[in-house]
Amino acid sequence: MKIYEKIRKIRKESLRISLKEFHKKLEQIFGDGALTYHSLCRLEKGYRSDIRLKSLYQICTGLGISLKELREGTDDEESQIVTIVTEKDRENNKYIYNDKACAEVLSPRHLRFLAMELAIMPGGATEREEDPLDANKFEKLVIVTQGAMVVAVGNERHLIKKGGAISFSSNILHHFENPSPTAQAKCIIVQDPKSY
């Protein structure tokens, strides 16, 4: 059982209140610092697999149970040293660039880096992007796992084929293209630190 499924079960079966009523209860307890209704909806539906400790504290308080009790019997209880991301978790954590390019986040939110799988349909491309210039040095590592991709960084264009990799400072304007007219291309992108 996922932790969000247990939250929903306790709210419905033990408290016997609607999600709106539960949110009002959290607002009474935590005032302006309470989770928003929209966030609570997303958490309870499992659209966010990486629930923050602050949010869990509020939910546990509203449910009248401890964090340990909430985690008992859930996937979250299984390991204290690893975080597993399932295919369903990936489906609920997508970034859609456009109708030909989509990325699924692979890494849990608590990590300092971001890992995602980018899929680009034939002839597709992502929008141009760049990470902010600040004290952090943003870097990306791109490993092509299917087909080939053109990785455009600044004024340079590099064709990277399956099994190849490229790394660069991601505060330079960049984007990804699939040059094939028939085959999908995929890559794993690791960014350190993440910019969101």
N, C-alpha and C. Protein backbone atom coordinates (compact mmCIF):
# COMPACT_ATOMS: atom_id res chain seq x y z
N MET A 1 0.85 -1.18 0.00
CA MET A 1 0.00 0.00 0.00
C MET A 1 0.89 1.24 0.00
N LYS A 2 0.53 2.19 -0.82
CA LYS A 2 1.24 3.46 -0.85
C LYS A 2 0.78 4.32 0.31
N ILE A 3 1.64 5.25 0.73
CA ILE A 3 1.31 6.09 1.87
C ILE A 3 0.09 6.97 1.58
N TYR A 4 -0.05 7.45 0.32
CA TYR A 4 -1.20 8.30 0.00
C TYR A 4 -2.49 7.48 0.06
N GLU A 5 -2.42 6.17 -0.27
CA GLU A 5 -3.60 5.32 -0.18
C GLU A 5 -4.02 5.13 1.27
N LYS A 6 -3.04 5.03 2.16
CA LYS A 6 -3.36 4.88 3.58
C LYS A 6 -3.95 6.17 4.14
N ILE A 7 -3.43 7.32 3.71
CA ILE A 7 -4.00 8.61 4.15
C ILE A 7 -5.47 8.68 3.76
N ARG A 8 -5.77 8.36 2.50
CA ARG A 8 -7.15 8.40 2.01
C ARG A 8 -8.03 7.42 2.77
N LYS A 9 -7.50 6.21 3.02
CA LYS A 9 -8.27 5.18 3.73
C LYS A 9 -8.61 5.63 5.15
N ILE A 10 -7.64 6.16 5.87
CA ILE A 10 -7.90 6.60 7.25
C ILE A 10 -8.90 7.75 7.27
N ARG A 11 -8.73 8.69 6.33
CA ARG A 11 -9.65 9.84 6.29
C ARG A 11 -11.08 9.38 6.02
N LYS A 12 -11.24 8.46 5.08
CA LYS A 12 -12.59 8.01 4.71
C LYS A 12 -13.19 7.04 5.72
N GLU A 13 -12.39 6.06 6.17
CA GLU A 13 -12.94 4.99 7.01
C GLU A 13 -12.92 5.31 8.50
N SER A 14 -11.89 6.01 8.98
CA SER A 14 -11.82 6.30 10.41
C SER A 14 -12.47 7.64 10.75
N LEU A 15 -12.09 8.68 10.02
CA LEU A 15 -12.64 10.00 10.30
C LEU A 15 -14.01 10.21 9.66
N ARG A 16 -14.23 9.53 8.54
CA ARG A 16 -15.50 9.62 7.80
C ARG A 16 -15.85 11.06 7.43
N ILE A 17 -14.84 11.73 6.87
CA ILE A 17 -15.06 13.11 6.41
C ILE A 17 -14.55 13.26 4.98
N SER A 18 -15.09 14.25 4.30
CA SER A 18 -14.66 14.51 2.92
C SER A 18 -13.29 15.17 2.92
N LEU A 19 -12.68 15.23 1.76
CA LEU A 19 -11.38 15.88 1.64
C LEU A 19 -11.49 17.37 1.97
N LYS A 20 -12.59 18.00 1.57
CA LYS A 20 -12.80 19.42 1.89
C LYS A 20 -12.91 19.63 3.40
N GLU A 21 -13.63 18.74 4.07
CA GLU A 21 -13.76 18.84 5.53
C GLU A 21 -12.40 18.62 6.21
N PHE A 22 -11.63 17.67 5.67
CA PHE A 22 -10.30 17.42 6.23
C PHE A 22 -9.40 18.64 6.05
N HIS A 23 -9.49 19.28 4.88
CA HIS A 23 -8.70 20.48 4.64
C HIS A 23 -9.09 21.59 5.60
N LYS A 24 -10.39 21.77 5.85
CA LYS A 24 -10.86 22.78 6.81
C LYS A 24 -10.29 22.50 8.20
N LYS A 25 -10.22 21.22 8.55
CA LYS A 25 -9.64 20.83 9.85
C LYS A 25 -8.17 21.26 9.92
N LEU A 26 -7.41 21.02 8.84
CA LEU A 26 -6.01 21.43 8.81
C LEU A 26 -5.88 22.96 8.91
N GLU A 27 -6.78 23.68 8.25
CA GLU A 27 -6.75 25.15 8.33
C GLU A 27 -7.03 25.63 9.75
N GLN A 28 -7.92 24.94 10.46
CA GLN A 28 -8.20 25.31 11.85
C GLN A 28 -6.99 25.09 12.74
N ILE A 29 -6.25 24.02 12.46
CA ILE A 29 -5.08 23.69 13.28
C ILE A 29 -3.87 24.55 12.91
N PHE A 30 -3.59 24.69 11.61
CA PHE A 30 -2.35 25.32 11.15
C PHE A 30 -2.52 26.72 10.57
N GLY A 31 -3.75 27.21 10.47
CA GLY A 31 -3.99 28.56 9.97
C GLY A 31 -3.46 28.77 8.57
N ASP A 32 -2.80 29.90 8.35
CA ASP A 32 -2.27 30.24 7.02
C ASP A 32 -1.15 29.30 6.57
N GLY A 33 -0.55 28.58 7.51
CA GLY A 33 0.53 27.66 7.17
C GLY A 33 0.06 26.29 6.72
N ALA A 34 -1.27 26.09 6.67
CA ALA A 34 -1.81 24.79 6.29
C ALA A 34 -1.58 24.51 4.81
N LEU A 35 -1.49 23.23 4.50
CA LEU A 35 -1.40 22.80 3.10
C LEU A 35 -2.57 23.41 2.33
N THR A 36 -2.35 23.75 1.08
CA THR A 36 -3.46 24.23 0.26
C THR A 36 -4.35 23.04 -0.09
N TYR A 37 -5.59 23.32 -0.41
CA TYR A 37 -6.52 22.26 -0.80
C TYR A 37 -6.00 21.54 -2.04
N HIS A 38 -5.48 22.32 -3.00
CA HIS A 38 -4.94 21.74 -4.23
C HIS A 38 -3.79 20.77 -3.93
N SER A 39 -2.87 21.17 -3.05
CA SER A 39 -1.75 20.29 -2.68
C SER A 39 -2.25 19.02 -2.00
N LEU A 40 -3.22 19.18 -1.12
CA LEU A 40 -3.77 18.04 -0.41
C LEU A 40 -4.42 17.06 -1.40
N CYS A 41 -5.14 17.59 -2.38
CA CYS A 41 -5.75 16.75 -3.42
C CYS A 41 -4.68 15.96 -4.17
N ARG A 42 -3.62 16.66 -4.58
CA ARG A 42 -2.54 16.01 -5.34
C ARG A 42 -1.85 14.93 -4.49
N LEU A 43 -1.63 15.22 -3.22
CA LEU A 43 -0.97 14.25 -2.35
C LEU A 43 -1.85 13.01 -2.18
N GLU A 44 -3.13 13.22 -1.93
CA GLU A 44 -4.00 12.08 -1.66
C GLU A 44 -4.28 11.24 -2.90
N LYS A 45 -4.16 11.82 -4.08
CA LYS A 45 -4.35 11.08 -5.32
C LYS A 45 -3.06 10.40 -5.78
N GLY A 46 -1.94 10.68 -5.10
CA GLY A 46 -0.68 10.05 -5.44
C GLY A 46 0.06 10.74 -6.55
N TYR A 47 -0.32 11.98 -6.88
CA TYR A 47 0.37 12.72 -7.94
C TYR A 47 1.73 13.22 -7.48
N ARG A 48 1.96 13.20 -6.18
CA ARG A 48 3.28 13.56 -5.64
C ARG A 48 3.73 12.41 -4.77
N SER A 49 4.72 11.68 -5.24
CA SER A 49 5.18 10.51 -4.50
C SER A 49 6.15 10.87 -3.39
N ASP A 50 6.67 12.07 -3.42
CA ASP A 50 7.68 12.50 -2.45
C ASP A 50 7.08 13.55 -1.52
N ILE A 51 6.24 13.11 -0.59
CA ILE A 51 5.56 14.02 0.31
C ILE A 51 6.57 14.56 1.32
N ARG A 52 6.61 15.88 1.46
CA ARG A 52 7.55 16.51 2.39
C ARG A 52 7.17 16.20 3.83
N LEU A 53 8.18 16.18 4.70
CA LEU A 53 7.97 15.87 6.10
C LEU A 53 7.00 16.85 6.75
N LYS A 54 7.10 18.13 6.40
CA LYS A 54 6.19 19.15 6.95
C LYS A 54 4.74 18.82 6.59
N SER A 55 4.52 18.41 5.34
CA SER A 55 3.17 18.05 4.89
C SER A 55 2.69 16.80 5.63
N LEU A 56 3.56 15.80 5.77
CA LEU A 56 3.19 14.58 6.49
C LEU A 56 2.84 14.89 7.94
N TYR A 57 3.59 15.81 8.55
CA TYR A 57 3.30 16.19 9.94
C TYR A 57 1.88 16.76 10.03
N GLN A 58 1.54 17.66 9.12
CA GLN A 58 0.20 18.25 9.14
C GLN A 58 -0.87 17.18 8.94
N ILE A 59 -0.65 16.30 7.97
CA ILE A 59 -1.63 15.26 7.68
C ILE A 59 -1.80 14.33 8.88
N CYS A 60 -0.69 13.91 9.48
CA CYS A 60 -0.75 13.04 10.66
C CYS A 60 -1.49 13.71 11.81
N THR A 61 -1.22 15.00 12.01
CA THR A 61 -1.91 15.74 13.07
C THR A 61 -3.41 15.75 12.79
N GLY A 62 -3.79 16.02 11.56
CA GLY A 62 -5.21 16.03 11.18
C GLY A 62 -5.86 14.67 11.32
N LEU A 63 -5.10 13.61 11.04
CA LEU A 63 -5.63 12.24 11.14
C LEU A 63 -5.62 11.74 12.59
N GLY A 64 -4.82 12.40 13.45
CA GLY A 64 -4.73 11.99 14.85
C GLY A 64 -3.85 10.77 15.06
N ILE A 65 -2.82 10.62 14.20
CA ILE A 65 -1.91 9.49 14.33
C ILE A 65 -0.46 10.00 14.23
N SER A 66 0.48 9.15 14.63
CA SER A 66 1.89 9.50 14.52
C SER A 66 2.40 9.16 13.12
N LEU A 67 3.55 9.73 12.77
CA LEU A 67 4.16 9.43 11.48
C LEU A 67 4.52 7.94 11.40
N LYS A 68 4.98 7.37 12.50
CA LYS A 68 5.31 5.95 12.53
C LYS A 68 4.08 5.11 12.23
N GLU A 69 2.93 5.47 12.83
CA GLU A 69 1.68 4.75 12.57
C GLU A 69 1.25 4.88 11.11
N LEU A 70 1.44 6.06 10.54
CA LEU A 70 1.06 6.27 9.14
C LEU A 70 1.92 5.40 8.22
N ARG A 71 3.20 5.30 8.51
CA ARG A 71 4.10 4.54 7.63
C ARG A 71 3.95 3.03 7.77
N GLU A 72 3.42 2.56 8.90
CA GLU A 72 3.27 1.12 9.12
C GLU A 72 2.39 0.50 8.04
N GLY A 73 2.89 -0.58 7.43
CA GLY A 73 2.14 -1.30 6.42
C GLY A 73 2.15 -0.66 5.04
N THR A 74 2.98 0.36 4.86
CA THR A 74 3.07 1.01 3.54
C THR A 74 4.42 0.70 2.90
N ASP A 75 4.54 1.02 1.63
CA ASP A 75 5.82 0.86 0.93
C ASP A 75 6.90 1.72 1.59
N ASP A 76 6.48 2.82 2.21
CA ASP A 76 7.41 3.75 2.84
C ASP A 76 8.09 3.11 4.05
N GLU A 77 7.45 2.10 4.64
CA GLU A 77 8.01 1.43 5.81
C GLU A 77 9.09 0.43 5.42
N GLU A 78 9.06 -0.05 4.18
CA GLU A 78 9.91 -1.16 3.78
C GLU A 78 11.40 -0.89 3.93
N SER A 79 11.85 0.31 3.64
CA SER A 79 13.27 0.59 3.73
C SER A 79 13.52 1.98 4.29
N GLN A 80 14.49 2.06 5.13
CA GLN A 80 14.89 3.35 5.68
C GLN A 80 16.15 3.87 4.99
N ILE A 81 16.72 3.05 4.08
CA ILE A 81 17.98 3.47 3.45
C ILE A 81 17.88 3.69 1.94
N VAL A 82 16.76 3.30 1.32
CA VAL A 82 16.60 3.53 -0.12
C VAL A 82 15.23 4.12 -0.40
N THR A 83 15.12 4.76 -1.56
CA THR A 83 13.83 5.23 -2.06
C THR A 83 13.62 4.58 -3.42
N ILE A 84 12.50 3.92 -3.59
CA ILE A 84 12.20 3.24 -4.84
C ILE A 84 11.18 4.07 -5.60
N VAL A 85 11.45 4.31 -6.89
CA VAL A 85 10.51 5.01 -7.76
C VAL A 85 9.93 3.97 -8.71
N THR A 86 8.61 3.81 -8.67
CA THR A 86 7.95 2.82 -9.52
C THR A 86 7.52 3.46 -10.85
N GLU A 87 7.10 2.61 -11.77
CA GLU A 87 6.63 3.10 -13.07
C GLU A 87 5.42 4.01 -12.88
N LYS A 88 4.55 3.67 -11.93
CA LYS A 88 3.37 4.51 -11.66
C LYS A 88 3.80 5.88 -11.13
N ASP A 89 4.82 5.90 -10.26
CA ASP A 89 5.33 7.17 -9.74
C ASP A 89 5.83 8.04 -10.88
N ARG A 90 6.49 7.42 -11.85
CA ARG A 90 7.03 8.16 -13.00
C ARG A 90 5.90 8.76 -13.83
N GLU A 91 4.83 7.98 -14.03
CA GLU A 91 3.69 8.46 -14.82
C GLU A 91 3.07 9.70 -14.21
N ASN A 92 3.11 9.79 -12.90
CA ASN A 92 2.50 10.92 -12.19
C ASN A 92 3.46 12.09 -12.01
N ASN A 93 4.65 11.99 -12.54
CA ASN A 93 5.64 13.05 -12.36
C ASN A 93 6.31 13.35 -13.69
N LYS A 94 5.53 13.90 -14.63
CA LYS A 94 6.01 14.16 -15.98
C LYS A 94 6.18 15.66 -16.21
N TYR A 95 7.10 15.95 -17.12
CA TYR A 95 7.24 17.31 -17.63
C TYR A 95 7.05 17.23 -19.14
N ILE A 96 5.98 17.84 -19.64
CA ILE A 96 5.67 17.80 -21.06
C ILE A 96 6.18 19.07 -21.72
N TYR A 97 7.19 18.92 -22.57
CA TYR A 97 7.74 20.05 -23.31
C TYR A 97 6.75 20.50 -24.39
N ASN A 98 6.26 19.52 -25.15
CA ASN A 98 5.31 19.76 -26.24
C ASN A 98 4.75 18.40 -26.66
N ASP A 99 4.02 18.33 -27.77
CA ASP A 99 3.39 17.07 -28.16
C ASP A 99 4.38 16.02 -28.67
N LYS A 100 5.66 16.38 -28.84
CA LYS A 100 6.66 15.42 -29.31
C LYS A 100 7.79 15.16 -28.31
N ALA A 101 7.77 15.84 -27.19
CA ALA A 101 8.85 15.67 -26.21
C ALA A 101 8.29 15.68 -24.79
N CYS A 102 8.64 14.64 -24.04
CA CYS A 102 8.14 14.50 -22.66
C CYS A 102 9.22 13.86 -21.79
N ALA A 103 9.34 14.33 -20.57
CA ALA A 103 10.31 13.76 -19.62
C ALA A 103 9.58 13.24 -18.40
N GLU A 104 10.05 12.11 -17.88
CA GLU A 104 9.54 11.55 -16.63
C GLU A 104 10.64 11.65 -15.59
N VAL A 105 10.31 12.23 -14.44
CA VAL A 105 11.28 12.39 -13.37
C VAL A 105 11.52 11.04 -12.70
N LEU A 106 12.79 10.67 -12.55
CA LEU A 106 13.17 9.39 -11.97
C LEU A 106 13.60 9.53 -10.51
N SER A 107 14.09 10.69 -10.13
CA SER A 107 14.67 10.86 -8.80
C SER A 107 13.66 11.41 -7.81
N PRO A 108 13.72 10.95 -6.55
CA PRO A 108 12.85 11.51 -5.52
C PRO A 108 13.21 12.97 -5.24
N ARG A 109 12.24 13.73 -4.77
CA ARG A 109 12.41 15.16 -4.54
C ARG A 109 13.51 15.49 -3.52
N HIS A 110 13.76 14.62 -2.54
CA HIS A 110 14.70 14.95 -1.47
C HIS A 110 16.17 14.94 -1.93
N LEU A 111 16.46 14.40 -3.10
CA LEU A 111 17.84 14.38 -3.58
C LEU A 111 18.25 15.75 -4.10
N ARG A 112 19.53 16.08 -4.06
CA ARG A 112 19.98 17.40 -4.51
C ARG A 112 20.11 17.48 -6.02
N PHE A 113 20.11 16.32 -6.69
CA PHE A 113 20.20 16.30 -8.14
C PHE A 113 18.86 15.85 -8.74
N LEU A 114 18.70 16.06 -10.02
CA LEU A 114 17.51 15.66 -10.74
C LEU A 114 17.91 14.62 -11.79
N ALA A 115 17.18 13.52 -11.85
CA ALA A 115 17.38 12.53 -12.91
C ALA A 115 16.04 12.32 -13.60
N MET A 116 16.07 12.35 -14.94
CA MET A 116 14.83 12.13 -15.68
C MET A 116 15.11 11.41 -16.98
N GLU A 117 14.08 10.77 -17.51
CA GLU A 117 14.18 10.12 -18.82
C GLU A 117 13.41 10.99 -19.80
N LEU A 118 14.09 11.43 -20.84
CA LEU A 118 13.49 12.27 -21.88
C LEU A 118 13.23 11.42 -23.10
N ALA A 119 12.01 11.48 -23.61
CA ALA A 119 11.64 10.78 -24.85
C ALA A 119 11.21 11.82 -25.87
N ILE A 120 11.77 11.72 -27.07
CA ILE A 120 11.42 12.65 -28.15
C ILE A 120 10.97 11.83 -29.35
N MET A 121 9.80 12.16 -29.84
CA MET A 121 9.24 11.48 -31.01
C MET A 121 10.03 11.88 -32.27
N PRO A 122 9.90 11.11 -33.36
CA PRO A 122 10.63 11.42 -34.59
C PRO A 122 10.43 12.88 -35.03
N GLY A 123 11.55 13.55 -35.32
CA GLY A 123 11.50 14.94 -35.77
C GLY A 123 11.20 15.96 -34.70
N GLY A 124 11.04 15.53 -33.46
CA GLY A 124 10.68 16.43 -32.36
C GLY A 124 11.89 17.09 -31.71
N ALA A 125 11.61 18.07 -30.87
CA ALA A 125 12.66 18.78 -30.14
C ALA A 125 12.06 19.40 -28.88
N THR A 126 12.92 19.64 -27.90
CA THR A 126 12.50 20.37 -26.71
C THR A 126 12.66 21.86 -26.97
N GLU A 127 12.03 22.66 -26.12
CA GLU A 127 12.26 24.10 -26.19
C GLU A 127 13.67 24.39 -25.68
N ARG A 128 14.19 25.54 -26.04
CA ARG A 128 15.49 25.96 -25.53
C ARG A 128 15.34 26.33 -24.06
N GLU A 129 16.33 25.96 -23.26
CA GLU A 129 16.28 26.23 -21.83
C GLU A 129 17.68 26.52 -21.31
N GLU A 130 17.73 27.16 -20.18
CA GLU A 130 19.00 27.38 -19.49
C GLU A 130 18.71 27.56 -18.02
N ASP A 131 19.60 27.06 -17.19
CA ASP A 131 19.46 27.22 -15.76
C ASP A 131 19.99 28.58 -15.35
N PRO A 132 19.55 29.09 -14.20
CA PRO A 132 19.93 30.44 -13.80
C PRO A 132 21.42 30.59 -13.51
N LEU A 133 21.93 31.77 -13.78
CA LEU A 133 23.31 32.09 -13.41
C LEU A 133 23.27 32.58 -11.97
N ASP A 134 23.87 31.86 -11.10
CA ASP A 134 23.96 32.28 -9.70
C ASP A 134 25.18 31.61 -9.08
N ALA A 135 25.17 31.48 -7.78
CA ALA A 135 26.34 30.91 -7.09
C ALA A 135 26.55 29.43 -7.44
N ASN A 136 25.45 28.74 -7.79
CA ASN A 136 25.57 27.32 -8.13
C ASN A 136 26.07 27.14 -9.55
N LYS A 137 26.85 26.11 -9.77
CA LYS A 137 27.24 25.74 -11.13
C LYS A 137 26.36 24.56 -11.52
N PHE A 138 25.44 24.82 -12.43
CA PHE A 138 24.53 23.78 -12.88
C PHE A 138 25.19 22.97 -13.98
N GLU A 139 25.13 21.63 -13.84
CA GLU A 139 25.73 20.75 -14.83
C GLU A 139 24.73 19.67 -15.22
N LYS A 140 24.78 19.26 -16.49
CA LYS A 140 23.94 18.17 -16.97
C LYS A 140 24.81 17.09 -17.58
N LEU A 141 24.41 15.85 -17.33
CA LEU A 141 24.99 14.69 -17.98
C LEU A 141 23.85 14.04 -18.74
N VAL A 142 24.04 13.79 -20.03
CA VAL A 142 23.02 13.22 -20.89
C VAL A 142 23.56 11.91 -21.45
N ILE A 143 22.82 10.82 -21.23
CA ILE A 143 23.21 9.50 -21.72
C ILE A 143 22.11 9.02 -22.66
N VAL A 144 22.41 8.85 -23.93
CA VAL A 144 21.41 8.43 -24.91
C VAL A 144 21.22 6.92 -24.78
N THR A 145 19.97 6.50 -24.57
CA THR A 145 19.66 5.09 -24.35
C THR A 145 18.91 4.45 -25.51
N GLN A 146 18.40 5.26 -26.42
CA GLN A 146 17.67 4.74 -27.58
C GLN A 146 17.79 5.73 -28.73
N GLY A 147 18.11 5.24 -29.92
CA GLY A 147 18.20 6.11 -31.09
C GLY A 147 19.40 7.04 -31.01
N ALA A 148 19.20 8.26 -31.47
CA ALA A 148 20.26 9.28 -31.45
C ALA A 148 19.61 10.63 -31.18
N MET A 149 20.38 11.54 -30.59
CA MET A 149 19.89 12.88 -30.30
C MET A 149 20.92 13.91 -30.69
N VAL A 150 20.41 15.03 -31.17
CA VAL A 150 21.26 16.21 -31.34
C VAL A 150 21.12 17.01 -30.05
N VAL A 151 22.26 17.26 -29.41
CA VAL A 151 22.27 18.09 -28.22
C VAL A 151 22.91 19.42 -28.61
N ALA A 152 22.10 20.46 -28.60
CA ALA A 152 22.57 21.80 -28.98
C ALA A 152 22.88 22.58 -27.72
N VAL A 153 24.14 22.99 -27.57
CA VAL A 153 24.59 23.74 -26.40
C VAL A 153 25.27 25.00 -26.91
N GLY A 154 24.70 26.17 -26.58
CA GLY A 154 25.24 27.41 -27.12
C GLY A 154 25.16 27.37 -28.63
N ASN A 155 26.28 27.63 -29.31
CA ASN A 155 26.33 27.58 -30.77
C ASN A 155 26.77 26.22 -31.31
N GLU A 156 27.01 25.26 -30.43
CA GLU A 156 27.49 23.94 -30.85
C GLU A 156 26.33 22.94 -30.95
N ARG A 157 26.45 22.02 -31.90
CA ARG A 157 25.48 20.93 -32.08
C ARG A 157 26.23 19.61 -32.10
N HIS A 158 25.80 18.66 -31.28
CA HIS A 158 26.50 17.38 -31.19
C HIS A 158 25.49 16.24 -31.37
N LEU A 159 25.80 15.31 -32.30
CA LEU A 159 24.98 14.14 -32.50
C LEU A 159 25.50 13.04 -31.57
N ILE A 160 24.67 12.63 -30.64
CA ILE A 160 25.03 11.59 -29.67
C ILE A 160 24.17 10.37 -29.95
N LYS A 161 24.82 9.23 -30.21
CA LYS A 161 24.10 8.00 -30.52
C LYS A 161 23.94 7.14 -29.28
N LYS A 162 23.06 6.12 -29.38
CA LYS A 162 22.79 5.21 -28.27
C LYS A 162 24.10 4.74 -27.64
N GLY A 163 24.17 4.84 -26.32
CA GLY A 163 25.36 4.44 -25.58
C GLY A 163 26.34 5.56 -25.37
N GLY A 164 26.18 6.67 -26.08
CA GLY A 164 27.06 7.82 -25.92
C GLY A 164 26.53 8.77 -24.87
N ALA A 165 27.42 9.65 -24.41
CA ALA A 165 27.04 10.61 -23.37
C ALA A 165 27.70 11.95 -23.65
N ILE A 166 27.11 13.00 -23.10
CA ILE A 166 27.64 14.35 -23.21
C ILE A 166 27.35 15.06 -21.91
N SER A 167 28.25 15.93 -21.48
CA SER A 167 28.00 16.73 -20.27
C SER A 167 28.35 18.17 -20.58
N PHE A 168 27.67 19.09 -19.88
CA PHE A 168 27.89 20.52 -20.12
C PHE A 168 27.32 21.33 -18.96
N SER A 169 27.72 22.58 -18.91
CA SER A 169 27.19 23.52 -17.93
C SER A 169 25.80 23.92 -18.41
N SER A 170 24.78 23.64 -17.62
CA SER A 170 23.41 23.83 -18.11
C SER A 170 22.88 25.25 -17.94
N ASN A 171 23.75 26.18 -17.52
CA ASN A 171 23.30 27.58 -17.55
C ASN A 171 23.66 28.21 -18.90
N ILE A 172 24.10 27.38 -19.85
CA ILE A 172 24.26 27.78 -21.24
C ILE A 172 22.99 27.35 -21.96
N LEU A 173 22.46 28.19 -22.83
CA LEU A 173 21.24 27.88 -23.58
C LEU A 173 21.41 26.55 -24.31
N HIS A 174 20.44 25.64 -24.16
CA HIS A 174 20.54 24.32 -24.77
C HIS A 174 19.16 23.73 -25.07
N HIS A 175 19.15 22.74 -25.95
CA HIS A 175 17.93 21.98 -26.22
C HIS A 175 18.32 20.64 -26.85
N PHE A 176 17.31 19.77 -27.01
CA PHE A 176 17.53 18.42 -27.52
C PHE A 176 16.63 18.19 -28.74
N GLU A 177 17.14 17.48 -29.74
CA GLU A 177 16.39 17.19 -30.96
C GLU A 177 16.52 15.72 -31.31
N ASN A 178 15.47 15.17 -31.93
CA ASN A 178 15.53 13.82 -32.48
C ASN A 178 15.61 13.98 -33.99
N PRO A 179 16.77 13.69 -34.60
CA PRO A 179 16.91 13.89 -36.04
C PRO A 179 16.24 12.81 -36.90
N SER A 180 15.83 11.72 -36.29
CA SER A 180 15.25 10.61 -37.06
C SER A 180 13.83 10.94 -37.52
N PRO A 181 13.50 10.61 -38.76
CA PRO A 181 12.12 10.82 -39.22
C PRO A 181 11.19 9.67 -38.84
N THR A 182 11.76 8.56 -38.29
CA THR A 182 10.93 7.39 -38.03
C THR A 182 11.05 6.80 -36.62
N ALA A 183 12.19 6.99 -35.94
CA ALA A 183 12.41 6.31 -34.66
C ALA A 183 12.39 7.28 -33.48
N GLN A 184 11.82 6.81 -32.36
CA GLN A 184 11.83 7.59 -31.12
C GLN A 184 13.24 7.59 -30.55
N ALA A 185 13.62 8.67 -29.87
CA ALA A 185 14.91 8.75 -29.18
C ALA A 185 14.65 8.95 -27.69
N LYS A 186 15.53 8.34 -26.86
CA LYS A 186 15.40 8.49 -25.41
C LYS A 186 16.79 8.72 -24.82
N CYS A 187 16.79 9.45 -23.71
CA CYS A 187 18.04 9.65 -22.97
C CYS A 187 17.72 9.81 -21.49
N ILE A 188 18.73 9.58 -20.68
CA ILE A 188 18.66 9.86 -19.25
C ILE A 188 19.43 11.16 -19.04
N ILE A 189 18.81 12.10 -18.33
CA ILE A 189 19.45 13.38 -18.03
C ILE A 189 19.62 13.46 -16.52
N VAL A 190 20.84 13.73 -16.08
CA VAL A 190 21.12 13.96 -14.67
C VAL A 190 21.59 15.39 -14.53
N GLN A 191 20.92 16.17 -13.69
CA GLN A 191 21.29 17.56 -13.48
C GLN A 191 21.67 17.76 -12.02
N ASP A 192 22.76 18.46 -11.80
CA ASP A 192 23.22 18.72 -10.43
C ASP A 192 23.71 20.17 -10.34
N PRO A 193 23.17 20.94 -9.39
CA PRO A 193 21.99 20.65 -8.58
C PRO A 193 20.72 20.84 -9.40
N LYS A 194 19.60 20.36 -8.88
CA LYS A 194 18.35 20.57 -9.61
C LYS A 194 17.96 22.05 -9.47
N SER A 195 17.21 22.54 -10.44
CA SER A 195 16.90 23.97 -10.45
C SER A 195 15.48 24.27 -10.05
N TYR A 196 14.75 23.30 -9.47
CA TYR A 196 13.39 23.59 -9.03
C TYR A 196 13.26 23.31 -7.55
